Amino acid sequence: MSKDYIKENDPIIQIKVLAGTKLSKLGSIQYSEHLKSPTEMIESWIETHFNKSQKYQAKLSKIRQQQEEQEKKEVEQQVEFVQSLNQRTEKKRQKRLLTIQQRKERAKELNSRSIEIQRKVKETQFETLKQSQVRQQIDRQASINLDKKIDQLKQQFSEQLQQQSQIYQEKQQKAVQIKQECDLNKQIVAKLQLLKTERNSEPHSNNNNKQSKVDLWSVRLPQLLHKKEEVQQQEYNNNLVYVVNKFRRVSMYKSIKSAHSQEDLTQKQQMQRERYSSKQEYFQHRGEQVQVKLKKKDEHLQSLQLKKQNDLENKFSKIKNQIEENETRHEHIQKQYQEKLIQQLNKEISKHKYNLSLIKQRDKAVEDLKFLRQFDKSKSSSSLTKIQK
């Protein structure tokens, strides 16, 4: 409120100004016109302005009541505003806490899923390793069984060869025995011929019958022995040819059979090795592919986990920064609101003080007017007494 406005609208100041003008006029009236009483005019003016001052006081009281009501309303509004602001901030805080909790739960779920995937990957790796070990064991057992079969076949072949060699040795021993018998027969024939020559050289003392018998046996016995020797030699030769041919046939058959069996074994071994090598290459290639896939999955999972952790950290940092900004804003708003309240209170206090000073000035002006009225009454009564005298 400006001072000019206060001077124009304040009734107390107007009363003082009018009182000063009236008092200045009173002197001229008292000197010029003694019959007219200015006190009546002042009293009427005071009554009118007193009524106006009462109305003004009533208005002031109404204005004060309105101001008090307005202040109460403002205080209530401020309290409501603070409560609503607190409620909003609490709701926002609860929402943020809920979102943070939900994000934490999602992060936990994602972490549990990644752990489950890693567990499954490890299980698959363990299963593949177990299957490869089982396959290796099966292949090892198959190779062992094949080696056993080869050893059995070799043993059978060696046993058969040993049996054939025993048969050949037995037949060879028989042939040697036959040859020894032939040699013995030859020795007997030689001895008989020696005996014959010895007998021929001896003197002819025996009878002619005995000589004829001896000559007969000496002639027939060599023939018989020679025939027997020829028969035995023929039998020996036949047996020897038979044994040699049979041994050749058996050896050829065994060599052919051994060659065929060796070829079959080599072919089987080669096929088994090729099959084993192809299976081994296939499983190695499959294992390498699985390891590459698992490595890629692990890298992908690690990158996803790192990305999610970074995203969560960024989100948490953003949320923390936003919470700090909101807290600073809330503190700044509270400070501004408190400053405004303090300013409003200072204004109201200054207004109240100014109104009190105006009321005091009004009371003082009223007392001054009462004193002037009494002074004017006493002066007018003294002037009337002088006139009567």
Protein backbone atom coordinates (compact mmCIF):
# COMPACT_ATOMS: atom_id res chain seq x y z
CA MET A 1 0.00 0.00 0.00
CA SER A 2 1.36 3.41 -0.99
CA LYS A 3 1.43 6.42 1.34
CA ASP A 4 -0.76 8.55 -0.97
CA TYR A 5 -3.43 5.88 -0.99
CA ILE A 6 -3.32 5.69 2.82
CA LYS A 7 -3.57 9.48 3.10
CA GLU A 8 -6.53 9.56 0.72
CA ASN A 9 -8.45 6.66 2.30
CA ASP A 10 -7.46 6.84 5.98
CA PRO A 11 -10.29 8.55 7.95
CA ILE A 12 -8.03 9.47 10.89
CA ILE A 13 -5.69 11.47 8.70
CA GLN A 14 -8.71 13.08 7.01
CA ILE A 15 -10.08 13.98 10.47
CA LYS A 16 -6.76 15.55 11.43
CA VAL A 17 -6.62 17.54 8.21
CA LEU A 18 -10.24 18.70 8.50
CA ALA A 19 -9.73 19.51 12.16
CA GLY A 20 -6.75 21.67 11.25
CA THR A 21 -8.71 23.47 8.55
CA LYS A 22 -11.69 23.97 10.86
CA LEU A 23 -9.49 25.28 13.64
CA SER A 24 -7.92 27.72 11.23
CA LYS A 25 -11.39 28.79 10.21
CA LEU A 26 -12.57 29.04 13.84
CA GLY A 27 -10.26 31.91 14.52
CA SER A 28 -11.68 33.92 11.66
CA ILE A 29 -15.22 32.98 12.65
CA GLN A 30 -14.62 33.96 16.28
CA TYR A 31 -13.29 37.29 15.28
CA SER A 32 -15.80 37.98 12.53
CA GLU A 33 -18.99 36.36 13.73
CA HIS A 34 -19.32 35.88 17.49
CA LEU A 35 -22.87 34.76 17.38
CA LYS A 36 -22.25 31.55 15.39
CA SER A 37 -20.79 28.67 17.41
CA PRO A 38 -18.25 26.65 15.48
CA THR A 39 -18.30 23.95 18.15
CA GLU A 40 -21.66 22.77 16.95
CA MET A 41 -20.29 22.49 13.46
CA ILE A 42 -17.24 20.61 14.78
CA GLU A 43 -19.47 18.35 16.92
CA SER A 44 -21.64 17.50 13.97
CA TRP A 45 -18.56 16.93 11.87
CA ILE A 46 -17.03 14.78 14.65
CA GLU A 47 -20.24 12.77 15.00
CA THR A 48 -20.41 12.10 11.29
CA HIS A 49 -16.76 11.16 11.14
CA PHE A 50 -17.07 9.16 14.37
CA ASN A 51 -19.86 7.19 12.79
CA LYS A 52 -17.69 6.79 9.74
CA SER A 53 -14.82 5.66 11.96
CA GLN A 54 -17.13 3.11 13.64
CA LYS A 55 -18.16 1.86 10.23
CA TYR A 56 -14.51 1.80 9.32
CA GLN A 57 -13.75 -0.17 12.49
CA ALA A 58 -16.55 -2.58 11.67
CA LYS A 59 -15.13 -2.91 8.19
CA LEU A 60 -11.68 -3.35 9.68
CA SER A 61 -12.98 -6.04 12.03
CA LYS A 62 -14.67 -7.74 9.08
CA ILE A 63 -11.50 -7.42 7.07
CA ARG A 64 -9.53 -8.85 10.00
CA GLN A 65 -11.98 -11.71 10.33
CA GLN A 66 -11.76 -12.28 6.60
CA GLN A 67 -7.98 -12.07 6.82
CA GLU A 68 -7.96 -14.53 9.73
CA GLU A 69 -10.31 -16.83 7.85
CA GLN A 70 -8.16 -16.41 4.77
CA GLU A 71 -5.06 -17.15 6.82
CA LYS A 72 -6.76 -20.20 8.33
CA LYS A 73 -7.81 -21.29 4.85
CA GLU A 74 -4.31 -20.68 3.57
CA VAL A 75 -2.85 -22.60 6.50
CA GLU A 76 -5.33 -25.43 5.89
CA GLN A 77 -4.58 -25.30 2.17
CA GLN A 78 -0.89 -25.30 2.92
CA VAL A 79 -1.35 -28.24 5.30
CA GLU A 80 -3.47 -30.02 2.69
CA PHE A 81 -0.91 -29.17 0.03
CA VAL A 82 1.89 -30.49 2.22
CA GLN A 83 -0.14 -33.62 3.01
CA SER A 84 -1.01 -34.15 -0.66
CA LEU A 85 2.61 -33.49 -1.59
CA ASN A 86 3.75 -35.97 1.05
CA GLN A 87 1.15 -38.46 -0.15
CA ARG A 88 2.27 -38.00 -3.76
CA THR A 89 5.90 -38.32 -2.82
CA GLU A 90 5.07 -41.39 -0.72
CA LYS A 91 3.08 -42.90 -3.61
CA LYS A 92 5.91 -42.14 -6.01
CA ARG A 93 8.40 -43.59 -3.57
CA GLN A 94 6.23 -46.70 -3.13
CA LYS A 95 5.88 -47.00 -6.91
CA ARG A 96 9.62 -46.62 -7.35
CA LEU A 97 10.23 -49.19 -4.64
CA LEU A 98 7.75 -51.53 -6.34
CA THR A 99 9.40 -51.00 -9.72
CA ILE A 100 12.83 -51.52 -8.17
CA GLN A 101 11.55 -54.68 -6.43
CA GLN A 102 10.00 -55.91 -9.68
CA ARG A 103 13.23 -55.21 -11.54
CA LYS A 104 15.18 -57.00 -8.85
CA GLU A 105 12.81 -59.98 -9.12
CA ARG A 106 13.14 -59.93 -12.91
CA ALA A 107 16.91 -59.76 -12.58
CA LYS A 108 16.78 -62.67 -10.12
CA GLU A 109 14.56 -64.64 -12.52
CA LEU A 110 16.92 -63.90 -15.42
CA ASN A 111 19.89 -64.87 -13.26
CA SER A 112 18.14 -68.10 -12.22
CA ARG A 113 17.31 -68.81 -15.88
CA SER A 114 20.93 -68.22 -16.88
CA ILE A 115 22.06 -70.51 -14.03
CA GLU A 116 19.53 -73.15 -15.18
CA ILE A 117 20.79 -72.85 -18.77
CA GLN A 118 24.38 -73.19 -17.58
CA ARG A 119 23.38 -76.23 -15.51
CA LYS A 120 21.67 -77.79 -18.55
CA VAL A 121 24.71 -77.02 -20.69
CA LYS A 122 26.96 -78.67 -18.11
CA GLU A 123 24.60 -81.67 -17.98
CA THR A 124 24.69 -81.98 -21.78
CA GLN A 125 28.48 -81.71 -21.70
CA PHE A 126 28.63 -84.40 -19.01
CA GLU A 127 26.22 -86.62 -21.01
CA THR A 128 28.23 -86.16 -24.21
CA LEU A 129 31.44 -86.99 -22.34
CA LYS A 130 29.75 -90.02 -20.79
CA GLN A 131 28.44 -91.17 -24.19
CA SER A 132 31.89 -90.69 -25.74
CA GLN A 133 33.45 -92.69 -22.89
CA VAL A 134 30.83 -95.43 -23.36
CA ARG A 135 31.50 -95.47 -27.12
CA GLN A 136 35.24 -95.62 -26.52
CA GLN A 137 34.72 -98.47 -24.06
CA ILE A 138 32.49 -100.30 -26.57
CA ASP A 139 35.06 -99.80 -29.33
CA ARG A 140 37.84 -100.95 -27.00
CA GLN A 141 35.83 -104.05 -26.05
CA ALA A 142 35.09 -104.74 -29.72
CA SER A 143 38.78 -104.43 -30.60
CA ILE A 144 39.65 -106.71 -27.66
CA ASN A 145 37.06 -109.28 -28.80
CA LEU A 146 38.40 -109.05 -32.35
CA ASP A 147 41.94 -109.57 -31.10
CA LYS A 148 40.72 -112.55 -29.07
CA LYS A 149 39.02 -114.03 -32.14
CA ILE A 150 42.19 -113.50 -34.18
CA ASP A 151 44.24 -115.17 -31.44
CA GLN A 152 41.78 -118.07 -31.32
CA LEU A 153 41.96 -118.50 -35.11
CA LYS A 154 45.75 -118.34 -34.99
CA GLN A 155 45.79 -120.89 -32.18
CA GLN A 156 43.42 -123.18 -34.10
CA PHE A 157 45.55 -122.84 -37.22
CA SER A 158 48.73 -123.56 -35.24
CA GLU A 159 47.06 -126.59 -33.60
CA GLN A 160 45.98 -127.89 -36.99
CA LEU A 161 49.48 -127.36 -38.35
CA GLN A 162 50.90 -129.13 -35.30
CA GLN A 163 48.53 -132.06 -35.82
CA GLN A 164 49.46 -132.27 -39.51
CA SER A 165 53.14 -132.08 -38.64
CA GLN A 166 52.68 -134.87 -36.07
CA ILE A 167 50.92 -137.02 -38.70
CA TYR A 168 53.71 -136.26 -41.16
CA GLN A 169 56.34 -137.14 -38.56
CA GLU A 170 54.57 -140.41 -37.73
CA LYS A 171 54.39 -141.36 -41.41
CA GLN A 172 58.01 -140.32 -41.86
CA GLN A 173 58.94 -142.51 -38.88
CA LYS A 174 57.05 -145.42 -40.46
CA ALA A 175 58.88 -144.86 -43.75
CA VAL A 176 62.21 -144.76 -41.89
CA GLN A 177 61.30 -148.00 -40.12
CA ILE A 178 60.44 -149.60 -43.48
CA LYS A 179 63.71 -148.35 -44.91
CA GLN A 180 65.59 -149.73 -41.91
CA GLU A 181 63.88 -153.09 -42.42
CA CYS A 182 64.92 -153.02 -46.09
CA ASP A 183 68.47 -152.25 -45.06
CA LEU A 184 68.37 -155.17 -42.63
CA ASN A 185 67.08 -157.42 -45.39
CA LYS A 186 69.90 -156.27 -47.66
CA GLN A 187 72.39 -156.96 -44.89
CA ILE A 188 70.89 -160.44 -44.43
CA VAL A 189 71.14 -161.08 -48.19
CA ALA A 190 74.75 -159.94 -48.17
CA LYS A 191 75.51 -162.19 -45.24
CA LEU A 192 73.82 -165.10 -47.04
CA GLN A 193 75.88 -164.47 -50.16
CA LEU A 194 79.01 -164.42 -47.99
CA LEU A 195 77.95 -167.68 -46.43
CA LYS A 196 77.35 -169.09 -49.89
CA THR A 197 80.77 -168.13 -51.09
CA GLU A 198 82.31 -169.53 -47.94
CA ARG A 199 80.46 -172.78 -48.42
CA ASN A 200 81.53 -172.97 -52.03
CA SER A 201 85.14 -172.57 -51.00
CA GLU A 202 84.91 -175.36 -48.39
CA PRO A 203 85.57 -178.99 -49.45
CA HIS A 204 82.70 -180.96 -50.73
CA SER A 205 82.18 -183.18 -47.71
CA ASN A 206 78.46 -183.05 -47.51
CA ASN A 207 76.00 -185.08 -49.35
CA ASN A 208 74.62 -184.16 -52.71
CA ASN A 209 71.07 -183.87 -51.24
CA LYS A 210 72.13 -181.38 -48.66
CA GLN A 211 74.08 -179.42 -51.25
CA SER A 212 71.16 -179.35 -53.55
CA LYS A 213 68.89 -178.08 -50.71
CA VAL A 214 71.35 -175.42 -49.72
CA ASP A 215 71.77 -174.36 -53.28
CA LEU A 216 68.03 -174.26 -53.66
CA TRP A 217 67.54 -172.09 -50.57
CA SER A 218 70.48 -169.97 -51.51
CA VAL A 219 68.88 -169.29 -54.84
CA ARG A 220 65.30 -168.89 -53.64
CA LEU A 221 65.98 -166.90 -50.49
CA PRO A 222 67.66 -164.01 -52.24
CA GLN A 223 64.85 -163.98 -54.75
CA LEU A 224 62.27 -163.89 -51.99
CA LEU A 225 64.18 -161.28 -50.10
CA HIS A 226 64.64 -159.29 -53.27
CA LYS A 227 60.93 -159.52 -53.99
CA LYS A 228 60.12 -158.55 -50.43
CA GLU A 229 62.58 -155.72 -50.65
CA GLU A 230 61.06 -154.57 -53.92
CA VAL A 231 57.59 -154.79 -52.43
CA GLN A 232 58.66 -152.90 -49.34
CA GLN A 233 60.55 -150.37 -51.47
CA GLN A 234 57.49 -149.95 -53.66
CA GLU A 235 55.29 -149.59 -50.60
CA TYR A 236 57.75 -147.19 -49.06
CA ASN A 237 57.89 -145.17 -52.27
CA ASN A 238 54.12 -145.20 -52.56
CA ASN A 239 53.70 -144.16 -48.93
CA LEU A 240 56.36 -141.53 -49.32
CA VAL A 241 54.72 -140.15 -52.47
CA TYR A 242 51.33 -140.27 -50.77
CA VAL A 243 52.64 -138.52 -47.67
CA VAL A 244 54.52 -135.93 -49.69
CA ASN A 245 51.52 -135.28 -51.93
CA LYS A 246 49.17 -135.15 -49.00
CA PHE A 247 51.52 -132.91 -47.08
CA ARG A 248 51.78 -130.68 -50.13
CA ARG A 249 48.03 -130.66 -50.56
CA VAL A 250 47.52 -129.96 -46.85
CA SER A 251 50.20 -127.30 -46.83
CA MET A 252 48.72 -125.73 -49.98
CA TYR A 253 45.22 -125.93 -48.51
CA LYS A 254 46.45 -124.52 -45.21
CA SER A 255 48.44 -121.81 -46.96
CA ILE A 256 45.42 -120.94 -49.11
CA LYS A 257 43.14 -121.11 -46.10
CA SER A 258 45.57 -119.13 -43.98
CA ALA A 259 45.95 -116.62 -46.80
CA HIS A 260 42.17 -116.38 -47.14
CA SER A 261 41.72 -116.19 -43.38
CA GLN A 262 44.55 -113.67 -43.14
CA GLU A 263 42.99 -111.64 -45.92
CA ASP A 264 39.60 -111.91 -44.24
CA LEU A 265 41.12 -110.92 -40.94
CA THR A 266 43.03 -108.04 -42.51
CA GLN A 267 39.88 -106.98 -44.35
CA LYS A 268 37.84 -107.25 -41.17
CA GLN A 269 40.49 -105.40 -39.21
CA GLN A 270 40.69 -102.76 -41.93
CA MET A 271 36.90 -102.44 -42.02
CA GLN A 272 36.78 -102.30 -38.23
CA ARG A 273 39.54 -99.70 -38.17
CA GLU A 274 37.87 -97.69 -40.92
CA ARG A 275 34.55 -97.93 -39.12
CA TYR A 276 36.16 -97.05 -35.81
CA SER A 277 38.15 -94.21 -37.39
CA SER A 278 35.05 -92.91 -39.20
CA LYS A 279 33.02 -93.14 -35.99
CA GLN A 280 35.84 -91.54 -34.05
CA GLU A 281 36.13 -88.75 -36.61
CA TYR A 282 32.35 -88.32 -36.59
CA PHE A 283 32.18 -88.20 -32.80
CA GLN A 284 35.23 -85.93 -32.64
CA HIS A 285 33.65 -83.62 -35.21
CA ARG A 286 30.34 -83.80 -33.35
CA GLY A 287 32.11 -83.13 -30.04
CA GLU A 288 33.96 -80.17 -31.57
CA GLN A 289 30.66 -78.82 -32.93
CA VAL A 290 29.01 -79.29 -29.54
CA GLN A 291 31.96 -77.63 -27.80
CA VAL A 292 31.82 -74.71 -30.28
CA LYS A 293 28.07 -74.39 -29.72
CA LEU A 294 28.49 -74.56 -25.96
CA LYS A 295 31.29 -72.00 -26.13
CA LYS A 296 29.09 -69.71 -28.23
CA LYS A 297 26.20 -70.24 -25.82
CA ASP A 298 28.45 -69.49 -22.84
CA GLU A 299 29.78 -66.35 -24.54
CA HIS A 300 26.25 -65.30 -25.51
CA LEU A 301 24.97 -65.94 -21.98
CA GLN A 302 27.90 -64.07 -20.46
CA SER A 303 27.36 -61.13 -22.84
CA LEU A 304 23.62 -61.13 -22.06
CA GLN A 305 24.31 -61.32 -18.34
CA LEU A 306 26.84 -58.48 -18.54
CA LYS A 307 24.43 -56.44 -20.66
CA LYS A 308 21.59 -57.04 -18.24
CA GLN A 309 23.80 -56.22 -15.27
CA ASN A 310 24.93 -53.01 -16.98
CA ASP A 311 21.32 -52.14 -17.86
CA LEU A 312 20.21 -52.80 -14.29
CA GLU A 313 23.10 -50.79 -12.90
CA ASN A 314 22.30 -47.92 -15.28
CA LYS A 315 18.61 -48.11 -14.35
CA PHE A 316 19.41 -48.22 -10.63
CA SER A 317 21.81 -45.29 -11.03
CA LYS A 318 19.13 -43.36 -12.98
CA ILE A 319 16.55 -44.17 -10.31
CA LYS A 320 18.97 -43.11 -7.56
CA ASN A 321 19.76 -39.88 -9.41
CA GLN A 322 16.05 -39.25 -9.96
CA ILE A 323 15.32 -39.91 -6.28
CA GLU A 324 18.11 -37.53 -5.29
CA GLU A 325 16.81 -34.91 -7.74
CA ASN A 326 13.28 -35.34 -6.39
CA GLU A 327 14.54 -35.05 -2.82
CA THR A 328 16.49 -31.89 -3.70
CA ARG A 329 13.43 -30.51 -5.50
CA HIS A 330 11.25 -31.37 -2.54
CA GLU A 331 13.70 -29.68 -0.17
CA HIS A 332 13.88 -26.66 -2.48
CA ILE A 333 10.07 -26.49 -2.68
CA GLN A 334 9.82 -26.77 1.10
CA LYS A 335 12.40 -24.01 1.50
CA GLN A 336 10.56 -21.80 -0.99
CA TYR A 337 7.27 -22.52 0.74
CA GLN A 338 8.77 -21.73 4.16
CA GLU A 339 10.32 -18.53 2.79
CA LYS A 340 6.97 -17.52 1.30
CA LEU A 341 5.26 -18.30 4.60
CA ILE A 342 7.84 -16.24 6.47
CA GLN A 343 7.43 -13.38 3.98
CA GLN A 344 3.63 -13.57 4.29
CA LEU A 345 3.87 -13.63 8.07
CA ASN A 346 6.24 -10.65 8.03
CA LYS A 347 3.84 -8.80 5.74
CA GLU A 348 0.89 -9.63 7.99
CA ILE A 349 2.86 -8.60 11.09
CA SER A 350 3.88 -5.33 9.44
CA LYS A 351 0.25 -4.74 8.39
CA HIS A 352 -0.95 -5.50 11.88
CA LYS A 353 1.63 -3.14 13.38
CA TYR A 354 0.69 -0.45 10.88
CA ASN A 355 -3.02 -0.90 11.68
CA LEU A 356 -2.28 -0.69 15.40
CA SER A 357 -0.33 2.51 14.83
CA LEU A 358 -3.26 3.89 12.80
CA ILE A 359 -5.69 2.95 15.59
CA LYS A 360 -3.46 4.67 18.11
CA GLN A 361 -3.29 7.75 15.89
CA ARG A 362 -7.08 7.68 15.55
CA ASP A 363 -7.56 7.40 19.32
CA LYS A 364 -5.11 10.26 19.80
CA ALA A 365 -6.94 12.37 17.20
CA VAL A 366 -10.28 11.65 18.91
CA GLU A 367 -8.81 12.69 22.26
CA ASP A 368 -7.40 15.83 20.64
CA LEU A 369 -10.81 16.62 19.16
CA LYS A 370 -12.47 16.04 22.53
CA PHE A 371 -9.94 18.35 24.10
CA LEU A 372 -10.55 20.97 21.40
CA ARG A 373 -14.30 20.63 21.92
CA GLN A 374 -13.97 21.20 25.63
CA PHE A 375 -11.63 24.09 24.91
CA ASP A 376 -14.08 25.58 22.44
CA LYS A 377 -16.97 25.14 24.89
CA SER A 378 -15.04 26.84 27.65
CA LYS A 379 -13.97 29.60 25.28
CA SER A 380 -17.49 30.16 23.97
CA SER A 381 -18.89 30.26 27.50
CA SER A 382 -16.27 32.83 28.51
CA SER A 383 -17.02 34.93 25.43
CA LEU A 384 -20.77 34.84 26.20
CA THR A 385 -20.17 35.96 29.76
CA LYS A 386 -18.07 38.83 28.47
CA ILE A 387 -20.80 39.89 26.06
CA GLN A 388 -23.46 39.78 28.77
CA LYS A 389 -21.32 41.94 30.96
